[in-house]
Amino acid sequence: MGSPGAVAHFQEMLHPMVRFTDVRQVRDYPRPDFLADYRWEGAAQKAREIKAQDLVCAAFMEMTIFEVAWYLRGMEDFMMDLMGGEEIAFALLDILTEMRVGMARRYAEAGVDLLMLGDDVATQLNMMISPELWRETLKPRLAQVIRAAKEARPEILIFYHGDGNMEEILPDLIEIGVEVLNPVLSSAGTNPTP
């Protein structure tokens, strides 16, 4: 038997919000201040240095909203909350969106060329949640993040990773400003589209 490999890291996950029963617990949960000025010191200088080498400067902000929400709450509980229209799901999504909007703005102000966003919202076959639920809950929040980056730096390119067959929401992603998509799968879900 070999040593733990690439799959071992997902064998056990702890979800700190799994036992939460009301919105106050979500709102009061301590979280890092990702917008504190000290975290961004030198970011613009680093972006200039990278671009001076004739390279593209990219900021990695994948696991933008959806994945972080279910990592905190637990996938089963978060999905049940989301599908049931529970306030606890929307409070968590709103908190994460606010944080990501601020981060997107800061990255854009620092001068990055490419903002890499994404959430694994699809499987190899289809969406993890219905396209309608995605449009109602995640699309407007993702649009806020993209809008914040574009307002700060209109020429920034928006990259989106969704881990699977997102064919049903492609027009929506384009509509809200996604310009680079990864991956692109056929409706069969197993063969990359040429």
C-alpha atoms as a PDB file:
ATOM      1  CA  MET A   1       0.000   0.000   0.000  1.00  0.00           C
ATOM      2  CA  GLY A   2       1.367   3.389  -1.009  1.00  0.00           C
ATOM      3  CA  SER A   3       1.537   6.528   1.041  1.00  0.00           C
ATOM      4  CA  PRO A   4      -1.364   9.021   1.039  1.00  0.00           C
ATOM      5  CA  GLY A   5      -1.457  10.776  -2.289  1.00  0.00           C
ATOM      6  CA  ALA A   6      -3.442  13.376  -4.143  1.00  0.00           C
ATOM      7  CA  VAL A   7      -6.831  12.083  -2.996  1.00  0.00           C
ATOM      8  CA  ALA A   8      -6.030  11.912   0.728  1.00  0.00           C
ATOM      9  CA  HIS A   9      -6.453  15.642   1.276  1.00  0.00           C
ATOM     10  CA  PHE A  10     -10.242  15.433   0.802  1.00  0.00           C
ATOM     11  CA  GLN A  11     -10.883  12.390   2.963  1.00  0.00           C
ATOM     12  CA  GLU A  12     -11.868  14.425   5.997  1.00  0.00           C
ATOM     13  CA  MET A  13     -13.037  18.005   6.026  1.00  0.00           C
ATOM     14  CA  LEU A  14     -14.127  19.983   9.031  1.00  0.00           C
ATOM     15  CA  HIS A  15     -16.916  22.491   8.412  1.00  0.00           C
ATOM     16  CA  PRO A  16     -16.960  25.097  11.190  1.00  0.00           C
ATOM     17  CA  MET A  17     -20.526  26.255  10.471  1.00  0.00           C
ATOM     18  CA  VAL A  18     -22.109  22.814  10.159  1.00  0.00           C
ATOM     19  CA  ARG A  19     -23.990  23.098  13.466  1.00  0.00           C
ATOM     20  CA  PHE A  20     -25.100  26.703  13.006  1.00  0.00           C
ATOM     21  CA  THR A  21     -28.839  27.194  13.322  1.00  0.00           C
ATOM     22  CA  ASP A  22     -29.338  30.903  12.739  1.00  0.00           C
ATOM     23  CA  VAL A  23     -28.069  33.819  10.728  1.00  0.00           C
ATOM     24  CA  ARG A  24     -26.510  35.562  13.728  1.00  0.00           C
ATOM     25  CA  GLN A  25     -24.008  32.748  14.100  1.00  0.00           C
ATOM     26  CA  VAL A  26     -22.944  33.194  10.477  1.00  0.00           C
ATOM     27  CA  ARG A  27     -22.659  36.973  10.818  1.00  0.00           C
ATOM     28  CA  ASP A  28     -20.759  36.745  14.126  1.00  0.00           C
ATOM     29  CA  TYR A  29     -18.316  34.085  12.949  1.00  0.00           C
ATOM     30  CA  PRO A  30     -14.773  35.520  13.147  1.00  0.00           C
ATOM     31  CA  ARG A  31     -13.096  35.854   9.795  1.00  0.00           C
ATOM     32  CA  PRO A  32      -9.841  37.361   8.607  1.00  0.00           C
ATOM     33  CA  ASP A  33      -9.844  40.906   7.281  1.00  0.00           C
ATOM     34  CA  PHE A  34      -8.638  40.294   3.752  1.00  0.00           C
ATOM     35  CA  LEU A  35      -8.920  43.997   2.984  1.00  0.00           C
ATOM     36  CA  ALA A  36      -6.574  45.207   5.717  1.00  0.00           C
ATOM     37  CA  ASP A  37      -4.075  47.596   4.166  1.00  0.00           C
ATOM     38  CA  TYR A  38      -1.039  45.634   5.333  1.00  0.00           C
ATOM     39  CA  ARG A  39      -2.152  42.657   3.219  1.00  0.00           C
ATOM     40  CA  TRP A  40      -1.950  44.775   0.062  1.00  0.00           C
ATOM     41  CA  GLU A  41       1.327  46.564   0.723  1.00  0.00           C
ATOM     42  CA  GLY A  42       3.615  46.025  -2.217  1.00  0.00           C
ATOM     43  CA  ALA A  43       0.938  44.445  -4.441  1.00  0.00           C
ATOM     44  CA  ALA A  44       1.046  47.198  -7.063  1.00  0.00           C
ATOM     45  CA  GLN A  45       4.854  47.157  -7.075  1.00  0.00           C
ATOM     46  CA  LYS A  46       4.896  43.377  -7.519  1.00  0.00           C
ATOM     47  CA  ALA A  47       2.411  43.646 -10.399  1.00  0.00           C
ATOM     48  CA  ARG A  48       4.632  46.259 -12.104  1.00  0.00           C
ATOM     49  CA  GLU A  49       7.694  44.032 -11.654  1.00  0.00           C
ATOM     50  CA  ILE A  50       5.951  41.038 -13.205  1.00  0.00           C
ATOM     51  CA  LYS A  51       4.656  43.072 -16.144  1.00  0.00           C
ATOM     52  CA  ALA A  52       8.087  44.663 -16.666  1.00  0.00           C
ATOM     53  CA  GLN A  53       9.309  41.159 -17.539  1.00  0.00           C
ATOM     54  CA  ASP A  54       6.734  41.065 -20.347  1.00  0.00           C
ATOM     55  CA  LEU A  55       4.631  38.614 -18.351  1.00  0.00           C
ATOM     56  CA  VAL A  56       0.930  38.610 -17.585  1.00  0.00           C
ATOM     57  CA  CYS A  57       0.153  39.358 -13.949  1.00  0.00           C
ATOM     58  CA  ALA A  58      -2.698  37.185 -12.693  1.00  0.00           C
ATOM     59  CA  ALA A  59      -4.485  37.174  -9.356  1.00  0.00           C
ATOM     60  CA  PHE A  60      -5.840  33.828  -8.209  1.00  0.00           C
ATOM     61  CA  MET A  61      -9.212  34.106  -6.484  1.00  0.00           C
ATOM     62  CA  GLU A  62     -10.766  30.765  -7.406  1.00  0.00           C
ATOM     63  CA  MET A  63     -13.154  29.222  -4.909  1.00  0.00           C
ATOM     64  CA  THR A  64     -14.773  32.620  -5.136  1.00  0.00           C
ATOM     65  CA  ILE A  65     -18.119  32.210  -3.346  1.00  0.00           C
ATOM     66  CA  PHE A  66     -19.920  28.859  -3.721  1.00  0.00           C
ATOM     67  CA  GLU A  67     -17.065  26.581  -2.694  1.00  0.00           C
ATOM     68  CA  VAL A  68     -16.075  28.690   0.290  1.00  0.00           C
ATOM     69  CA  ALA A  69     -19.720  28.672   1.437  1.00  0.00           C
ATOM     70  CA  TRP A  70     -20.024  24.905   1.389  1.00  0.00           C
ATOM     71  CA  TYR A  71     -16.543  24.421   2.853  1.00  0.00           C
ATOM     72  CA  LEU A  72     -17.669  26.499   5.840  1.00  0.00           C
ATOM     73  CA  ARG A  73     -21.189  25.067   6.173  1.00  0.00           C
ATOM     74  CA  GLY A  74     -20.716  21.544   4.815  1.00  0.00           C
ATOM     75  CA  MET A  75     -21.943  20.624   1.368  1.00  0.00           C
ATOM     76  CA  GLU A  76     -25.078  18.784   2.417  1.00  0.00           C
ATOM     77  CA  ASP A  77     -26.257  21.472   4.836  1.00  0.00           C
ATOM     78  CA  PHE A  78     -25.355  24.331   2.517  1.00  0.00           C
ATOM     79  CA  MET A  79     -27.103  22.726  -0.470  1.00  0.00           C
ATOM     80  CA  MET A  80     -30.213  22.039   1.621  1.00  0.00           C
ATOM     81  CA  ASP A  81     -30.184  25.636   2.912  1.00  0.00           C
ATOM     82  CA  LEU A  82     -29.735  26.991  -0.595  1.00  0.00           C
ATOM     83  CA  MET A  83     -32.433  24.840  -2.169  1.00  0.00           C
ATOM     84  CA  GLY A  84     -34.788  25.581   0.711  1.00  0.00           C
ATOM     85  CA  GLY A  85     -34.275  29.323   0.403  1.00  0.00           C
ATOM     86  CA  GLU A  86     -32.961  29.522   3.956  1.00  0.00           C
ATOM     87  CA  GLU A  87     -31.739  32.908   5.178  1.00  0.00           C
ATOM     88  CA  ILE A  88     -28.596  31.312   6.594  1.00  0.00           C
ATOM     89  CA  ALA A  89     -27.425  30.418   3.048  1.00  0.00           C
ATOM     90  CA  PHE A  90     -28.022  33.917   1.711  1.00  0.00           C
ATOM     91  CA  ALA A  91     -26.315  35.574   4.675  1.00  0.00           C
ATOM     92  CA  LEU A  92     -23.243  33.420   4.112  1.00  0.00           C
ATOM     93  CA  LEU A  93     -23.230  34.117   0.357  1.00  0.00           C
ATOM     94  CA  ASP A  94     -23.604  37.859   0.975  1.00  0.00           C
ATOM     95  CA  ILE A  95     -20.717  37.959   3.461  1.00  0.00           C
ATOM     96  CA  LEU A  96     -18.456  36.072   1.063  1.00  0.00           C
ATOM     97  CA  THR A  97     -19.537  38.252  -1.860  1.00  0.00           C
ATOM     98  CA  GLU A  98     -18.750  41.433   0.044  1.00  0.00           C
ATOM     99  CA  MET A  99     -15.304  40.099   0.893  1.00  0.00           C
ATOM    100  CA  ARG A 100     -14.635  39.023  -2.710  1.00  0.00           C
ATOM    101  CA  VAL A 101     -15.883  42.331  -4.135  1.00  0.00           C
ATOM    102  CA  GLY A 102     -13.327  44.160  -1.991  1.00  0.00           C
ATOM    103  CA  MET A 103     -10.544  41.769  -2.947  1.00  0.00           C
ATOM    104  CA  ALA A 104     -11.379  42.005  -6.670  1.00  0.00           C
ATOM    105  CA  ARG A 105     -11.250  45.786  -6.442  1.00  0.00           C
ATOM    106  CA  ARG A 106      -7.894  45.691  -4.639  1.00  0.00           C
ATOM    107  CA  TYR A 107      -6.360  43.295  -7.175  1.00  0.00           C
ATOM    108  CA  ALA A 108      -7.582  45.481 -10.043  1.00  0.00           C
ATOM    109  CA  GLU A 109      -6.275  48.637  -8.384  1.00  0.00           C
ATOM    110  CA  ALA A 110      -2.910  46.915  -7.970  1.00  0.00           C
ATOM    111  CA  GLY A 111      -2.800  46.554 -11.750  1.00  0.00           C
ATOM    112  CA  VAL A 112      -3.226  42.833 -12.357  1.00  0.00           C
ATOM    113  CA  ASP A 113      -4.002  41.869 -15.948  1.00  0.00           C
ATOM    114  CA  LEU A 114      -6.094  38.772 -15.246  1.00  0.00           C
ATOM    115  CA  LEU A 115      -8.430  38.001 -12.358  1.00  0.00           C
ATOM    116  CA  MET A 116      -8.921  34.260 -11.948  1.00  0.00           C
ATOM    117  CA  LEU A 117     -12.306  33.487 -10.418  1.00  0.00           C
ATOM    118  CA  GLY A 118     -14.179  30.246 -10.140  1.00  0.00           C
ATOM    119  CA  ASP A 119     -16.284  27.825  -8.221  1.00  0.00           C
ATOM    120  CA  ASP A 120     -16.756  24.147  -8.964  1.00  0.00           C
ATOM    121  CA  VAL A 121     -20.434  24.466  -9.865  1.00  0.00           C
ATOM    122  CA  ALA A 122     -20.502  21.575 -12.341  1.00  0.00           C
ATOM    123  CA  THR A 123     -19.646  17.918 -12.619  1.00  0.00           C
ATOM    124  CA  GLN A 124     -18.309  16.234 -15.740  1.00  0.00           C
ATOM    125  CA  LEU A 125     -21.918  15.638 -16.809  1.00  0.00           C
ATOM    126  CA  ASN A 126     -23.854  18.724 -15.763  1.00  0.00           C
ATOM    127  CA  MET A 127     -24.401  21.474 -13.210  1.00  0.00           C
ATOM    128  CA  MET A 128     -24.308  20.641  -9.478  1.00  0.00           C
ATOM    129  CA  ILE A 129     -27.320  22.868  -8.911  1.00  0.00           C
ATOM    130  CA  SER A 130     -29.997  23.805 -11.413  1.00  0.00           C
ATOM    131  CA  PRO A 131     -29.116  26.620 -13.801  1.00  0.00           C
ATOM    132  CA  GLU A 132     -32.158  28.478 -12.461  1.00  0.00           C
ATOM    133  CA  LEU A 133     -30.902  28.291  -8.875  1.00  0.00           C
ATOM    134  CA  TRP A 134     -27.419  29.309 -10.037  1.00  0.00           C
ATOM    135  CA  ARG A 135     -28.910  32.315 -11.865  1.00  0.00           C
ATOM    136  CA  GLU A 136     -30.955  33.307  -8.828  1.00  0.00           C
ATOM    137  CA  THR A 137     -28.264  32.908  -6.160  1.00  0.00           C
ATOM    138  CA  LEU A 138     -24.739  32.853  -7.585  1.00  0.00           C
ATOM    139  CA  LYS A 139     -24.876  34.791 -10.850  1.00  0.00           C
ATOM    140  CA  PRO A 140     -25.765  38.190  -9.325  1.00  0.00           C
ATOM    141  CA  ARG A 141     -23.093  37.791  -6.656  1.00  0.00           C
ATOM    142  CA  LEU A 142     -20.436  36.778  -9.160  1.00  0.00           C
ATOM    143  CA  ALA A 143     -21.514  39.738 -11.305  1.00  0.00           C
ATOM    144  CA  GLN A 144     -20.844  42.074  -8.354  1.00  0.00           C
ATOM    145  CA  VAL A 145     -17.309  40.722  -8.016  1.00  0.00           C
ATOM    146  CA  ILE A 146     -16.621  41.135 -11.737  1.00  0.00           C
ATOM    147  CA  ARG A 147     -18.163  44.613 -11.814  1.00  0.00           C
ATOM    148  CA  ALA A 148     -15.945  45.761  -8.935  1.00  0.00           C
ATOM    149  CA  ALA A 149     -12.809  44.619 -10.786  1.00  0.00           C
ATOM    150  CA  LYS A 150     -13.914  46.163 -14.089  1.00  0.00           C
ATOM    151  CA  GLU A 151     -14.841  49.477 -12.448  1.00  0.00           C
ATOM    152  CA  ALA A 152     -11.369  49.711 -10.922  1.00  0.00           C
ATOM    153  CA  ARG A 153      -9.545  48.539 -14.067  1.00  0.00           C
ATOM    154  CA  PRO A 154     -11.728  48.239 -17.203  1.00  0.00           C
ATOM    155  CA  GLU A 155      -9.048  46.366 -19.183  1.00  0.00           C
ATOM    156  CA  ILE A 156      -8.676  43.565 -16.629  1.00  0.00           C
ATOM    157  CA  LEU A 157      -9.527  40.155 -18.098  1.00  0.00           C
ATOM    158  CA  ILE A 158     -11.872  37.884 -16.149  1.00  0.00           C
ATOM    159  CA  PHE A 159     -11.035  34.166 -16.083  1.00  0.00           C
ATOM    160  CA  TYR A 160     -13.573  31.683 -14.688  1.00  0.00           C
ATOM    161  CA  HIS A 161     -13.040  28.057 -13.708  1.00  0.00           C
ATOM    162  CA  GLY A 162     -16.093  25.911 -13.016  1.00  0.00           C
ATOM    163  CA  ASP A 163     -14.776  22.348 -13.044  1.00  0.00           C
ATOM    164  CA  GLY A 164     -17.048  20.581 -15.445  1.00  0.00           C
ATOM    165  CA  ASN A 165     -19.839  20.965 -17.966  1.00  0.00           C
ATOM    166  CA  MET A 166     -21.166  24.513 -17.562  1.00  0.00           C
ATOM    167  CA  GLU A 167     -22.711  24.632 -21.025  1.00  0.00           C
ATOM    168  CA  GLU A 168     -26.093  25.724 -19.673  1.00  0.00           C
ATOM    169  CA  ILE A 169     -24.702  28.868 -18.031  1.00  0.00           C
ATOM    170  CA  LEU A 170     -22.169  29.921 -20.690  1.00  0.00           C
ATOM    171  CA  PRO A 171     -24.348  32.792 -21.991  1.00  0.00           C
ATOM    172  CA  ASP A 172     -24.783  34.003 -18.400  1.00  0.00           C
ATOM    173  CA  LEU A 173     -21.049  33.964 -17.737  1.00  0.00           C
ATOM    174  CA  ILE A 174     -20.412  35.945 -20.919  1.00  0.00           C
ATOM    175  CA  GLU A 175     -23.176  38.375 -19.998  1.00  0.00           C
ATOM    176  CA  ILE A 176     -21.614  39.222 -16.630  1.00  0.00           C
ATOM    177  CA  GLY A 177     -18.133  39.715 -18.045  1.00  0.00           C
ATOM    178  CA  VAL A 178     -16.279  36.392 -18.111  1.00  0.00           C
ATOM    179  CA  GLU A 179     -13.768  36.429 -20.968  1.00  0.00           C
ATOM    180  CA  VAL A 180     -11.702  33.281 -20.353  1.00  0.00           C
ATOM    181  CA  LEU A 181     -13.327  29.968 -19.440  1.00  0.00           C
ATOM    182  CA  ASN A 182     -11.810  26.782 -18.028  1.00  0.00           C
ATOM    183  CA  PRO A 183     -12.687  24.022 -18.735  1.00  0.00           C
ATOM    184  CA  VAL A 184     -14.802  23.748 -21.876  1.00  0.00           C
ATOM    185  CA  LEU A 185     -16.531  20.366 -21.991  1.00  0.00           C
ATOM    186  CA  SER A 186     -18.986  18.980 -24.512  1.00  0.00           C
ATOM    187  CA  SER A 187     -22.527  18.180 -23.492  1.00  0.00           C
ATOM    188  CA  ALA A 188     -21.412  14.547 -23.248  1.00  0.00           C
ATOM    189  CA  GLY A 189     -19.183  15.797 -20.458  1.00  0.00           C
ATOM    190  CA  THR A 190     -16.179  13.662 -21.172  1.00  0.00           C
ATOM    191  CA  ASN A 191     -14.509  15.084 -24.267  1.00  0.00           C
ATOM    192  CA  PRO A 192     -13.071  18.582 -24.478  1.00  0.00           C
ATOM    193  CA  THR A 193     -14.676  20.735 -27.145  1.00  0.00           C
ATOM    194  CA  PRO A 194     -12.241  21.643 -29.949  1.00  0.00           C
END
